[in-house]
């Protein structure tokens, strides 16, 4: 070990003193490899990102420091970046220092000449020690791809397709979002229930055990006539339903009669019977609970299903 007296600093004196310093001769790989390994011990208790800067000429080195750098990267993972600064112009040394920096997958290698100006050195320091703030990410609480400040339909269920305003898509525009719509392709203007099905439940269509259309339902059913006339290529299946009063076989027949009754109503008002088919479902597809009087009344219904 050499000990040097303290002296007043001067550029010329510093340069002259460096010339008198005797460095080690021969392979310098081992000292650098040991220094890199020792750095790992010094950094064990650290938290957060780690930057190691190696200043060397890289001369007379084999792969030992590169291996040490890879081992250190394996220990600290993505927390660690190694940057190298080459002093001198040894071509083999340049390659070794580049490999050391490359071992961390995030460091870079430069030369002392490139850091000679204050601006270039400032850029080096910024690149090594500073990170630009990530751009502010617009908050999207329901994760539908539309930022909260533009989302007119917040709290959309995850995975639901939405429009540019963040509202669930409603392809047939019946007021029931596609993900809830059990009866898609309802024609424009049709009255639908909460399931998106074309039906008329605002009034009771049939009495218990009856397939006769109640007169108070006529105005509402006239809507169906108008829709069919506006859409001459539209064919529909008329589906009859019942509540759960009585036997299943009886209700199946009753539901078929109800569907036929609605068909007769439509045909009497100018709709081509060839555009209409009927089907009965009995009480197998309730639209409401059969446990209440109101629910049973809603189940005594017909629904219109567009068919191709």
C-alpha atoms as a PDB file:
ATOM      1  CA  UNK A   1       0.000   0.000   0.000  1.00  0.00           C
ATOM      2  CA  UNK A   2       1.241   3.463  -0.850  1.00  0.00           C
ATOM      3  CA  UNK A   3       0.674   6.521   1.338  1.00  0.00           C
ATOM      4  CA  UNK A   4       0.831   9.993  -0.139  1.00  0.00           C
ATOM      5  CA  UNK A   5       1.147  13.242   1.788  1.00  0.00           C
ATOM      6  CA  UNK A   6      -1.710  15.759   1.660  1.00  0.00           C
ATOM      7  CA  UNK A   7      -0.904  18.560  -0.762  1.00  0.00           C
ATOM      8  CA  UNK A   8      -2.672  21.567  -2.192  1.00  0.00           C
ATOM      9  CA  UNK A   9      -4.583  20.639  -5.309  1.00  0.00           C
ATOM     10  CA  UNK A  10      -3.594  21.830  -8.751  1.00  0.00           C
ATOM     11  CA  UNK A  11      -4.483  20.387 -12.124  1.00  0.00           C
ATOM     12  CA  UNK A  12      -0.861  20.119 -13.193  1.00  0.00           C
ATOM     13  CA  UNK A  13       0.231  18.631  -9.905  1.00  0.00           C
ATOM     14  CA  UNK A  14      -2.596  16.094  -9.943  1.00  0.00           C
ATOM     15  CA  UNK A  15      -1.676  14.963 -13.430  1.00  0.00           C
ATOM     16  CA  UNK A  16       1.975  14.665 -12.528  1.00  0.00           C
ATOM     17  CA  UNK A  17       1.185  12.654  -9.414  1.00  0.00           C
ATOM     18  CA  UNK A  18      -0.948  10.192 -11.376  1.00  0.00           C
ATOM     19  CA  UNK A  19       1.981   9.444 -13.631  1.00  0.00           C
ATOM     20  CA  UNK A  20       4.015   8.366 -10.606  1.00  0.00           C
ATOM     21  CA  UNK A  21       1.333   5.953  -9.365  1.00  0.00           C
ATOM     22  CA  UNK A  22       2.291   2.418 -10.199  1.00  0.00           C
ATOM     23  CA  UNK A  23      -0.643   0.201 -11.113  1.00  0.00           C
ATOM     24  CA  UNK A  24      -0.758  -3.585 -11.059  1.00  0.00           C
ATOM     25  CA  UNK A  25       0.539  -5.390 -14.059  1.00  0.00           C
ATOM     26  CA  UNK A  26      -0.819  -8.456 -15.794  1.00  0.00           C
ATOM     27  CA  UNK A  27      -4.426  -9.734 -15.855  1.00  0.00           C
ATOM     28  CA  UNK A  28      -6.760  -7.221 -14.179  1.00  0.00           C
ATOM     29  CA  UNK A  29      -9.881  -9.391 -14.540  1.00  0.00           C
ATOM     30  CA  UNK A  30      -9.691 -10.897 -11.093  1.00  0.00           C
ATOM     31  CA  UNK A  31      -9.568  -7.615  -9.148  1.00  0.00           C
ATOM     32  CA  UNK A  32     -12.597  -6.257 -10.998  1.00  0.00           C
ATOM     33  CA  UNK A  33     -14.489  -9.536 -10.638  1.00  0.00           C
ATOM     34  CA  UNK A  34     -13.767  -9.495  -6.901  1.00  0.00           C
ATOM     35  CA  UNK A  35     -14.853  -5.876  -6.655  1.00  0.00           C
ATOM     36  CA  UNK A  36     -18.170  -6.681  -8.353  1.00  0.00           C
ATOM     37  CA  UNK A  37     -18.738  -9.646  -6.022  1.00  0.00           C
ATOM     38  CA  UNK A  38     -17.844  -7.508  -2.999  1.00  0.00           C
ATOM     39  CA  UNK A  39     -20.385  -4.911  -4.135  1.00  0.00           C
ATOM     40  CA  UNK A  40     -23.055  -7.568  -3.768  1.00  0.00           C
ATOM     41  CA  UNK A  41     -22.184  -7.961  -0.092  1.00  0.00           C
ATOM     42  CA  UNK A  42     -22.237  -4.194   0.457  1.00  0.00           C
ATOM     43  CA  UNK A  43     -25.652  -3.904  -1.187  1.00  0.00           C
ATOM     44  CA  UNK A  44     -27.443  -6.773   0.553  1.00  0.00           C
ATOM     45  CA  UNK A  45     -29.275  -4.513   2.987  1.00  0.00           C
ATOM     46  CA  UNK A  46     -30.338  -1.945   0.391  1.00  0.00           C
ATOM     47  CA  UNK A  47     -33.883  -1.422  -0.803  1.00  0.00           C
ATOM     48  CA  UNK A  48     -35.107  -0.112  -4.103  1.00  0.00           C
ATOM     49  CA  UNK A  49     -33.252   0.367  -7.414  1.00  0.00           C
ATOM     50  CA  UNK A  50     -29.451  -0.060  -7.509  1.00  0.00           C
ATOM     51  CA  UNK A  51     -27.022   1.582  -9.942  1.00  0.00           C
ATOM     52  CA  UNK A  52     -23.380   0.458 -10.127  1.00  0.00           C
ATOM     53  CA  UNK A  53     -20.918   2.505 -12.201  1.00  0.00           C
ATOM     54  CA  UNK A  54     -17.628   0.861 -13.185  1.00  0.00           C
ATOM     55  CA  UNK A  55     -14.810   3.121 -14.425  1.00  0.00           C
ATOM     56  CA  UNK A  56     -12.004   1.140 -16.059  1.00  0.00           C
ATOM     57  CA  UNK A  57      -9.891   0.834 -19.177  1.00  0.00           C
ATOM     58  CA  UNK A  58     -11.075  -2.763 -19.547  1.00  0.00           C
ATOM     59  CA  UNK A  59      -7.639  -3.762 -20.731  1.00  0.00           C
ATOM     60  CA  UNK A  60      -6.122  -7.182 -20.115  1.00  0.00           C
ATOM     61  CA  UNK A  61      -9.385  -8.734 -18.941  1.00  0.00           C
ATOM     62  CA  UNK A  62     -11.073 -12.027 -19.642  1.00  0.00           C
ATOM     63  CA  UNK A  63     -14.692 -13.014 -18.961  1.00  0.00           C
ATOM     64  CA  UNK A  64     -14.385 -13.157 -15.155  1.00  0.00           C
ATOM     65  CA  UNK A  65     -15.900  -9.697 -14.487  1.00  0.00           C
ATOM     66  CA  UNK A  66     -18.674 -10.396 -17.008  1.00  0.00           C
ATOM     67  CA  UNK A  67     -19.545 -13.585 -15.135  1.00  0.00           C
ATOM     68  CA  UNK A  68     -19.454 -11.710 -11.838  1.00  0.00           C
ATOM     69  CA  UNK A  69     -21.812  -9.076 -13.264  1.00  0.00           C
ATOM     70  CA  UNK A  70     -24.247 -11.778 -14.384  1.00  0.00           C
ATOM     71  CA  UNK A  71     -24.131 -13.380 -10.926  1.00  0.00           C
ATOM     72  CA  UNK A  72     -24.835 -10.015  -9.311  1.00  0.00           C
ATOM     73  CA  UNK A  73     -27.766  -9.463 -11.660  1.00  0.00           C
ATOM     74  CA  UNK A  74     -29.115 -12.868 -10.710  1.00  0.00           C
ATOM     75  CA  UNK A  75     -28.959 -11.881  -7.054  1.00  0.00           C
ATOM     76  CA  UNK A  76     -30.676  -8.493  -7.311  1.00  0.00           C
ATOM     77  CA  UNK A  77     -32.817  -8.998 -10.412  1.00  0.00           C
ATOM     78  CA  UNK A  78     -34.529  -6.020 -12.019  1.00  0.00           C
ATOM     79  CA  UNK A  79     -33.444  -3.764  -9.148  1.00  0.00           C
ATOM     80  CA  UNK A  80     -29.876  -3.668 -10.497  1.00  0.00           C
ATOM     81  CA  UNK A  81     -28.368  -1.816 -13.450  1.00  0.00           C
ATOM     82  CA  UNK A  82     -24.622  -1.706 -14.199  1.00  0.00           C
ATOM     83  CA  UNK A  83     -23.115   1.114 -16.261  1.00  0.00           C
ATOM     84  CA  UNK A  84     -19.511   1.279 -17.426  1.00  0.00           C
ATOM     85  CA  UNK A  85     -17.242   4.183 -18.335  1.00  0.00           C
ATOM     86  CA  UNK A  86     -14.093   3.333 -20.315  1.00  0.00           C
ATOM     87  CA  UNK A  87     -10.968   5.343 -19.764  1.00  0.00           C
ATOM     88  CA  UNK A  88      -8.685   4.997 -22.762  1.00  0.00           C
ATOM     89  CA  UNK A  89      -9.254   3.414 -26.129  1.00  0.00           C
ATOM     90  CA  UNK A  90      -8.376  -0.251 -25.761  1.00  0.00           C
ATOM     91  CA  UNK A  91     -10.667  -2.028 -28.225  1.00  0.00           C
ATOM     92  CA  UNK A  92     -10.735  -5.317 -26.317  1.00  0.00           C
ATOM     93  CA  UNK A  93     -11.386  -3.422 -23.106  1.00  0.00           C
ATOM     94  CA  UNK A  94     -14.296  -1.617 -24.761  1.00  0.00           C
ATOM     95  CA  UNK A  95     -15.865  -4.959 -25.663  1.00  0.00           C
ATOM     96  CA  UNK A  96     -15.469  -6.352 -22.129  1.00  0.00           C
ATOM     97  CA  UNK A  97     -16.989  -3.239 -20.535  1.00  0.00           C
ATOM     98  CA  UNK A  98     -19.912  -3.372 -22.949  1.00  0.00           C
ATOM     99  CA  UNK A  99     -20.502  -7.009 -21.989  1.00  0.00           C
ATOM    100  CA  UNK A 100     -20.435  -6.113 -18.289  1.00  0.00           C
ATOM    101  CA  UNK A 101     -23.035  -3.394 -18.816  1.00  0.00           C
ATOM    102  CA  UNK A 102     -25.067  -5.717 -21.028  1.00  0.00           C
ATOM    103  CA  UNK A 103     -25.125  -8.382 -18.306  1.00  0.00           C
ATOM    104  CA  UNK A 104     -27.603  -6.239 -16.338  1.00  0.00           C
ATOM    105  CA  UNK A 105     -29.973  -5.873 -19.339  1.00  0.00           C
ATOM    106  CA  UNK A 106     -30.576  -2.233 -18.420  1.00  0.00           C
ATOM    107  CA  UNK A 107     -27.142  -0.580 -18.153  1.00  0.00           C
ATOM    108  CA  UNK A 108     -25.145   1.147 -20.861  1.00  0.00           C
ATOM    109  CA  UNK A 109     -21.467   1.641 -21.662  1.00  0.00           C
ATOM    110  CA  UNK A 110     -19.828   4.936 -22.541  1.00  0.00           C
ATOM    111  CA  UNK A 111     -16.355   6.490 -22.541  1.00  0.00           C
ATOM    112  CA  UNK A 112     -14.730   9.178 -20.434  1.00  0.00           C
ATOM    113  CA  UNK A 113     -14.260  11.298 -23.565  1.00  0.00           C
ATOM    114  CA  UNK A 114     -18.005  11.393 -24.094  1.00  0.00           C
ATOM    115  CA  UNK A 115     -18.503  12.733 -20.567  1.00  0.00           C
ATOM    116  CA  UNK A 116     -15.986  15.539 -20.942  1.00  0.00           C
ATOM    117  CA  UNK A 117     -18.545  18.348 -21.019  1.00  0.00           C
ATOM    118  CA  UNK A 118     -20.884  19.359 -18.209  1.00  0.00           C
ATOM    119  CA  UNK A 119     -23.953  18.769 -20.371  1.00  0.00           C
ATOM    120  CA  UNK A 120     -22.894  15.253 -21.362  1.00  0.00           C
ATOM    121  CA  UNK A 121     -22.024  14.394 -17.776  1.00  0.00           C
ATOM    122  CA  UNK A 122     -25.395  15.750 -16.646  1.00  0.00           C
ATOM    123  CA  UNK A 123     -27.076  13.532 -19.236  1.00  0.00           C
ATOM    124  CA  UNK A 124     -25.150  10.527 -17.939  1.00  0.00           C
ATOM    125  CA  UNK A 125     -26.158  11.253 -14.357  1.00  0.00           C
ATOM    126  CA  UNK A 126     -29.779  11.733 -15.380  1.00  0.00           C
ATOM    127  CA  UNK A 127     -29.795   8.479 -17.341  1.00  0.00           C
ATOM    128  CA  UNK A 128     -28.260   6.482 -14.486  1.00  0.00           C
ATOM    129  CA  UNK A 129     -29.859   7.970 -11.394  1.00  0.00           C
ATOM    130  CA  UNK A 130     -33.050   9.673 -12.486  1.00  0.00           C
ATOM    131  CA  UNK A 131     -36.230   8.294 -13.971  1.00  0.00           C
ATOM    132  CA  UNK A 132     -38.834  10.368 -15.732  1.00  0.00           C
ATOM    133  CA  UNK A 133     -42.206  10.313 -14.096  1.00  0.00           C
ATOM    134  CA  UNK A 134     -44.617   7.979 -15.789  1.00  0.00           C
ATOM    135  CA  UNK A 135     -47.402   9.828 -17.581  1.00  0.00           C
ATOM    136  CA  UNK A 136     -50.553  10.192 -15.580  1.00  0.00           C
ATOM    137  CA  UNK A 137     -52.850   7.304 -16.392  1.00  0.00           C
ATOM    138  CA  UNK A 138     -56.493   8.258 -16.678  1.00  0.00           C
ATOM    139  CA  UNK A 139     -58.525   6.585 -13.960  1.00  0.00           C
ATOM    140  CA  UNK A 140     -60.899   3.912 -15.267  1.00  0.00           C
ATOM    141  CA  UNK A 141     -62.591   2.520 -12.175  1.00  0.00           C
ATOM    142  CA  UNK A 142     -64.770  -0.074 -13.918  1.00  0.00           C
ATOM    143  CA  UNK A 143     -62.023  -1.158 -16.328  1.00  0.00           C
ATOM    144  CA  UNK A 144     -64.147  -0.776 -19.466  1.00  0.00           C
ATOM    145  CA  UNK A 145     -61.511   1.207 -21.355  1.00  0.00           C
ATOM    146  CA  UNK A 146     -63.257   4.576 -20.962  1.00  0.00           C
ATOM    147  CA  UNK A 147     -61.765   7.036 -18.407  1.00  0.00           C
ATOM    148  CA  UNK A 148     -64.028   7.962 -15.525  1.00  0.00           C
ATOM    149  CA  UNK A 149     -64.262  11.594 -16.585  1.00  0.00           C
ATOM    150  CA  UNK A 150     -65.767  10.514 -19.929  1.00  0.00           C
ATOM    151  CA  UNK A 151     -67.699   7.494 -18.652  1.00  0.00           C
ATOM    152  CA  UNK A 152     -71.444   8.157 -18.717  1.00  0.00           C
ATOM    153  CA  UNK A 153     -72.178   4.677 -17.407  1.00  0.00           C
ATOM    154  CA  UNK A 154     -69.885   4.010 -14.437  1.00  0.00           C
ATOM    155  CA  UNK A 155     -69.682   0.637 -12.716  1.00  0.00           C
ATOM    156  CA  UNK A 156     -70.166  -1.349 -15.924  1.00  0.00           C
ATOM    157  CA  UNK A 157     -69.656  -5.059 -15.147  1.00  0.00           C
ATOM    158  CA  UNK A 158     -66.250  -6.407 -16.096  1.00  0.00           C
ATOM    159  CA  UNK A 159     -65.998  -7.790 -19.622  1.00  0.00           C
ATOM    160  CA  UNK A 160     -69.087  -6.009 -20.976  1.00  0.00           C
ATOM    161  CA  UNK A 161     -68.610  -4.368 -24.384  1.00  0.00           C
ATOM    162  CA  UNK A 162     -69.213  -0.620 -24.218  1.00  0.00           C
ATOM    163  CA  UNK A 163     -69.478   2.321 -26.592  1.00  0.00           C
ATOM    164  CA  UNK A 164     -67.241   5.421 -26.593  1.00  0.00           C
ATOM    165  CA  UNK A 165     -69.216   6.803 -23.657  1.00  0.00           C
ATOM    166  CA  UNK A 166     -68.614   3.725 -21.512  1.00  0.00           C
ATOM    167  CA  UNK A 167     -72.214   2.523 -21.802  1.00  0.00           C
ATOM    168  CA  UNK A 168     -73.042  -1.137 -22.525  1.00  0.00           C
ATOM    169  CA  UNK A 169     -73.874  -1.829 -26.155  1.00  0.00           C
ATOM    170  CA  UNK A 170     -77.536  -2.166 -27.100  1.00  0.00           C
ATOM    171  CA  UNK A 171     -77.536  -3.443 -30.672  1.00  0.00           C
ATOM    172  CA  UNK A 172     -81.309  -3.560 -31.144  1.00  0.00           C
ATOM    173  CA  UNK A 173     -81.825  -0.265 -29.260  1.00  0.00           C
ATOM    174  CA  UNK A 174     -84.604  -1.599 -27.112  1.00  0.00           C
ATOM    175  CA  UNK A 175     -83.210  -0.024 -23.951  1.00  0.00           C
ATOM    176  CA  UNK A 176     -81.828  -3.309 -22.598  1.00  0.00           C
ATOM    177  CA  UNK A 177     -78.055  -3.737 -22.854  1.00  0.00           C
ATOM    178  CA  UNK A 178     -76.815  -6.626 -24.958  1.00  0.00           C
ATOM    179  CA  UNK A 179     -75.292  -8.441 -21.986  1.00  0.00           C
ATOM    180  CA  UNK A 180     -78.723  -8.496 -20.292  1.00  0.00           C
ATOM    181  CA  UNK A 181     -80.859  -8.891 -23.406  1.00  0.00           C
ATOM    182  CA  UNK A 182     -82.382 -12.359 -23.572  1.00  0.00           C
ATOM    183  CA  UNK A 183     -84.215 -11.503 -26.798  1.00  0.00           C
ATOM    184  CA  UNK A 184     -81.842  -9.776 -29.244  1.00  0.00           C
ATOM    185  CA  UNK A 185     -82.870  -8.315 -32.617  1.00  0.00           C
ATOM    186  CA  UNK A 186     -86.109  -6.796 -31.335  1.00  0.00           C
ATOM    187  CA  UNK A 187     -87.498  -4.441 -34.014  1.00  0.00           C
ATOM    188  CA  UNK A 188     -87.319  -0.710 -33.434  1.00  0.00           C
ATOM    189  CA  UNK A 189     -90.185   0.671 -31.371  1.00  0.00           C
ATOM    190  CA  UNK A 190     -91.280  -2.618 -29.821  1.00  0.00           C
ATOM    191  CA  UNK A 191     -92.251  -2.651 -26.158  1.00  0.00           C
ATOM    192  CA  UNK A 192     -89.940  -4.912 -24.189  1.00  0.00           C
ATOM    193  CA  UNK A 193     -89.721  -6.154 -20.614  1.00  0.00           C
ATOM    194  CA  UNK A 194     -86.691  -6.130 -18.339  1.00  0.00           C
ATOM    195  CA  UNK A 195     -85.292  -9.116 -20.229  1.00  0.00           C
ATOM    196  CA  UNK A 196     -85.407  -7.247 -23.543  1.00  0.00           C
ATOM    197  CA  UNK A 197     -88.185  -9.488 -24.851  1.00  0.00           C
ATOM    198  CA  UNK A 198     -90.942  -8.128 -27.102  1.00  0.00           C
ATOM    199  CA  UNK A 199     -94.008  -8.533 -24.944  1.00  0.00           C
ATOM    200  CA  UNK A 200     -96.904  -6.562 -23.495  1.00  0.00           C
ATOM    201  CA  UNK A 201     -97.082  -6.973 -19.749  1.00  0.00           C
ATOM    202  CA  UNK A 202     -98.356  -3.516 -18.803  1.00  0.00           C
ATOM    203  CA  UNK A 203    -101.885  -4.898 -18.960  1.00  0.00           C
ATOM    204  CA  UNK A 204    -103.251  -8.393 -18.417  1.00  0.00           C
ATOM    205  CA  UNK A 205    -103.749 -10.041 -21.784  1.00  0.00           C
ATOM    206  CA  UNK A 206    -105.748 -13.045 -20.581  1.00  0.00           C
ATOM    207  CA  UNK A 207    -107.865 -14.074 -17.658  1.00  0.00           C
ATOM    208  CA  UNK A 208    -107.108 -17.310 -15.802  1.00  0.00           C
ATOM    209  CA  UNK A 209    -107.984 -20.389 -17.880  1.00  0.00           C
ATOM    210  CA  UNK A 210    -108.803 -18.167 -20.869  1.00  0.00           C
ATOM    211  CA  UNK A 211    -107.369 -17.684 -24.350  1.00  0.00           C
ATOM    212  CA  UNK A 212    -109.600 -14.708 -25.134  1.00  0.00           C
ATOM    213  CA  UNK A 213    -107.658 -11.469 -25.578  1.00  0.00           C
ATOM    214  CA  UNK A 214    -108.899  -8.853 -23.110  1.00  0.00           C
ATOM    215  CA  UNK A 215    -110.242  -5.708 -24.796  1.00  0.00           C
ATOM    216  CA  UNK A 216    -108.063  -3.416 -22.675  1.00  0.00           C
ATOM    217  CA  UNK A 217    -105.034  -4.987 -24.381  1.00  0.00           C
ATOM    218  CA  UNK A 218    -106.160  -3.961 -27.879  1.00  0.00           C
ATOM    219  CA  UNK A 219    -104.474  -0.529 -27.953  1.00  0.00           C
ATOM    220  CA  UNK A 220    -101.191  -1.997 -26.821  1.00  0.00           C
ATOM    221  CA  UNK A 221    -101.296  -4.861 -29.317  1.00  0.00           C
ATOM    222  CA  UNK A 222    -101.985  -2.338 -32.076  1.00  0.00           C
ATOM    223  CA  UNK A 223     -98.343  -1.328 -31.612  1.00  0.00           C
ATOM    224  CA  UNK A 224     -97.316  -4.768 -32.845  1.00  0.00           C
ATOM    225  CA  UNK A 225     -99.530  -4.332 -35.902  1.00  0.00           C
ATOM    226  CA  UNK A 226     -97.843  -1.023 -36.752  1.00  0.00           C
ATOM    227  CA  UNK A 227     -94.361  -2.461 -36.301  1.00  0.00           C
ATOM    228  CA  UNK A 228     -95.146  -5.392 -38.572  1.00  0.00           C
ATOM    229  CA  UNK A 229     -96.576  -3.075 -41.234  1.00  0.00           C
ATOM    230  CA  UNK A 230     -93.494  -0.848 -41.080  1.00  0.00           C
ATOM    231  CA  UNK A 231     -91.284  -3.906 -41.479  1.00  0.00           C
ATOM    232  CA  UNK A 232     -92.881  -5.974 -44.269  1.00  0.00           C
ATOM    233  CA  UNK A 233     -89.963  -8.423 -44.328  1.00  0.00           C
ATOM    234  CA  UNK A 234     -90.247  -9.119 -40.621  1.00  0.00           C
ATOM    235  CA  UNK A 235     -91.634 -12.525 -39.658  1.00  0.00           C
ATOM    236  CA  UNK A 236     -92.386 -13.375 -36.059  1.00  0.00           C
ATOM    237  CA  UNK A 237     -93.043 -16.383 -33.895  1.00  0.00           C
ATOM    238  CA  UNK A 238     -95.848 -15.773 -31.422  1.00  0.00           C
ATOM    239  CA  UNK A 239     -95.053 -17.568 -28.191  1.00  0.00           C
ATOM    240  CA  UNK A 240     -97.880 -18.278 -25.753  1.00  0.00           C
ATOM    241  CA  UNK A 241     -97.332 -18.616 -21.984  1.00  0.00           C
ATOM    242  CA  UNK A 242     -99.378 -19.349 -18.859  1.00  0.00           C
ATOM    243  CA  UNK A 243     -99.057 -19.107 -15.107  1.00  0.00           C
ATOM    244  CA  UNK A 244     -98.703 -22.328 -13.104  1.00  0.00           C
ATOM    245  CA  UNK A 245    -102.357 -22.731 -12.216  1.00  0.00           C
ATOM    246  CA  UNK A 246    -103.504 -26.208 -13.259  1.00  0.00           C
ATOM    247  CA  UNK A 247    -101.840 -29.215 -14.859  1.00  0.00           C
ATOM    248  CA  UNK A 248     -98.864 -28.933 -17.188  1.00  0.00           C
ATOM    249  CA  UNK A 249    -100.604 -30.602 -20.164  1.00  0.00           C
ATOM    250  CA  UNK A 250    -103.619 -28.342 -19.817  1.00  0.00           C
ATOM    251  CA  UNK A 251    -101.452 -25.212 -19.674  1.00  0.00           C
ATOM    252  CA  UNK A 252     -99.437 -26.297 -22.697  1.00  0.00           C
ATOM    253  CA  UNK A 253    -102.630 -26.489 -24.754  1.00  0.00           C
ATOM    254  CA  UNK A 254    -103.865 -23.192 -23.266  1.00  0.00           C
ATOM    255  CA  UNK A 255    -100.608 -21.423 -24.194  1.00  0.00           C
ATOM    256  CA  UNK A 256    -100.935 -22.610 -27.794  1.00  0.00           C
ATOM    257  CA  UNK A 257    -104.483 -21.282 -27.936  1.00  0.00           C
ATOM    258  CA  UNK A 258    -103.312 -17.915 -26.605  1.00  0.00           C
ATOM    259  CA  UNK A 259    -100.649 -17.683 -29.305  1.00  0.00           C
ATOM    260  CA  UNK A 260    -103.279 -18.492 -31.943  1.00  0.00           C
ATOM    261  CA  UNK A 261    -105.597 -15.846 -30.493  1.00  0.00           C
ATOM    262  CA  UNK A 262    -102.949 -13.157 -30.895  1.00  0.00           C
ATOM    263  CA  UNK A 263    -102.238 -14.336 -34.432  1.00  0.00           C
ATOM    264  CA  UNK A 264    -105.933 -13.981 -35.245  1.00  0.00           C
ATOM    265  CA  UNK A 265    -105.855 -10.467 -33.796  1.00  0.00           C
ATOM    266  CA  UNK A 266    -102.955  -9.477 -36.046  1.00  0.00           C
ATOM    267  CA  UNK A 267    -104.351 -11.132 -39.171  1.00  0.00           C
ATOM    268  CA  UNK A 268    -107.693  -9.386 -38.632  1.00  0.00           C
ATOM    269  CA  UNK A 269    -105.815  -6.105 -38.815  1.00  0.00           C
ATOM    270  CA  UNK A 270    -104.088  -6.807 -42.102  1.00  0.00           C
ATOM    271  CA  UNK A 271    -101.012  -8.854 -41.286  1.00  0.00           C
ATOM    272  CA  UNK A 272    -100.234 -11.692 -43.694  1.00  0.00           C
ATOM    273  CA  UNK A 273    -100.720 -14.979 -41.778  1.00  0.00           C
ATOM    274  CA  UNK A 274     -97.717 -16.450 -43.631  1.00  0.00           C
ATOM    275  CA  UNK A 275     -95.515 -14.081 -41.653  1.00  0.00           C
ATOM    276  CA  UNK A 276     -96.752 -15.490 -38.352  1.00  0.00           C
ATOM    277  CA  UNK A 277     -96.074 -18.785 -36.608  1.00  0.00           C
ATOM    278  CA  UNK A 278     -97.252 -19.842 -33.172  1.00  0.00           C
ATOM    279  CA  UNK A 279     -95.854 -21.922 -30.344  1.00  0.00           C
ATOM    280  CA  UNK A 280     -96.971 -22.752 -26.807  1.00  0.00           C
ATOM    281  CA  UNK A 281     -94.688 -23.073 -23.787  1.00  0.00           C
ATOM    282  CA  UNK A 282     -97.203 -23.624 -20.973  1.00  0.00           C
ATOM    283  CA  UNK A 283     -95.702 -22.467 -17.692  1.00  0.00           C
ATOM    284  CA  UNK A 284     -92.155 -23.611 -18.522  1.00  0.00           C
ATOM    285  CA  UNK A 285     -90.790 -20.089 -19.104  1.00  0.00           C
ATOM    286  CA  UNK A 286     -92.200 -17.714 -16.494  1.00  0.00           C
ATOM    287  CA  UNK A 287     -91.307 -14.026 -16.872  1.00  0.00           C
ATOM    288  CA  UNK A 288     -92.219 -13.319 -13.243  1.00  0.00           C
ATOM    289  CA  UNK A 289     -92.744 -15.213 -10.022  1.00  0.00           C
ATOM    290  CA  UNK A 290     -95.836 -17.420  -9.871  1.00  0.00           C
ATOM    291  CA  UNK A 291     -95.920 -16.952  -6.102  1.00  0.00           C
ATOM    292  CA  UNK A 292     -97.873 -13.696  -6.336  1.00  0.00           C
ATOM    293  CA  UNK A 293    -101.101 -12.669  -8.026  1.00  0.00           C
ATOM    294  CA  UNK A 294     -99.274  -9.937  -9.937  1.00  0.00           C
ATOM    295  CA  UNK A 295     -96.564 -12.310 -11.082  1.00  0.00           C
ATOM    296  CA  UNK A 296     -99.064 -14.867 -12.328  1.00  0.00           C
ATOM    297  CA  UNK A 297    -100.892 -12.143 -14.279  1.00  0.00           C
ATOM    298  CA  UNK A 298     -97.628 -11.185 -16.052  1.00  0.00           C
ATOM    299  CA  UNK A 299     -97.023 -14.816 -16.959  1.00  0.00           C
ATOM    300  CA  UNK A 300    -100.361 -15.046 -18.791  1.00  0.00           C
ATOM    301  CA  UNK A 301     -98.769 -13.471 -21.816  1.00  0.00           C
ATOM    302  CA  UNK A 302     -97.476 -13.781 -25.350  1.00  0.00           C
ATOM    303  CA  UNK A 303     -94.090 -12.805 -26.693  1.00  0.00           C
ATOM    304  CA  UNK A 304     -93.021 -11.988 -30.236  1.00  0.00           C
ATOM    305  CA  UNK A 305     -89.738 -13.462 -31.458  1.00  0.00           C
ATOM    306  CA  UNK A 306     -88.346 -12.216 -34.795  1.00  0.00           C
ATOM    307  CA  UNK A 307     -87.428 -15.069 -37.123  1.00  0.00           C
ATOM    308  CA  UNK A 308     -85.542 -15.132 -40.367  1.00  0.00           C
END
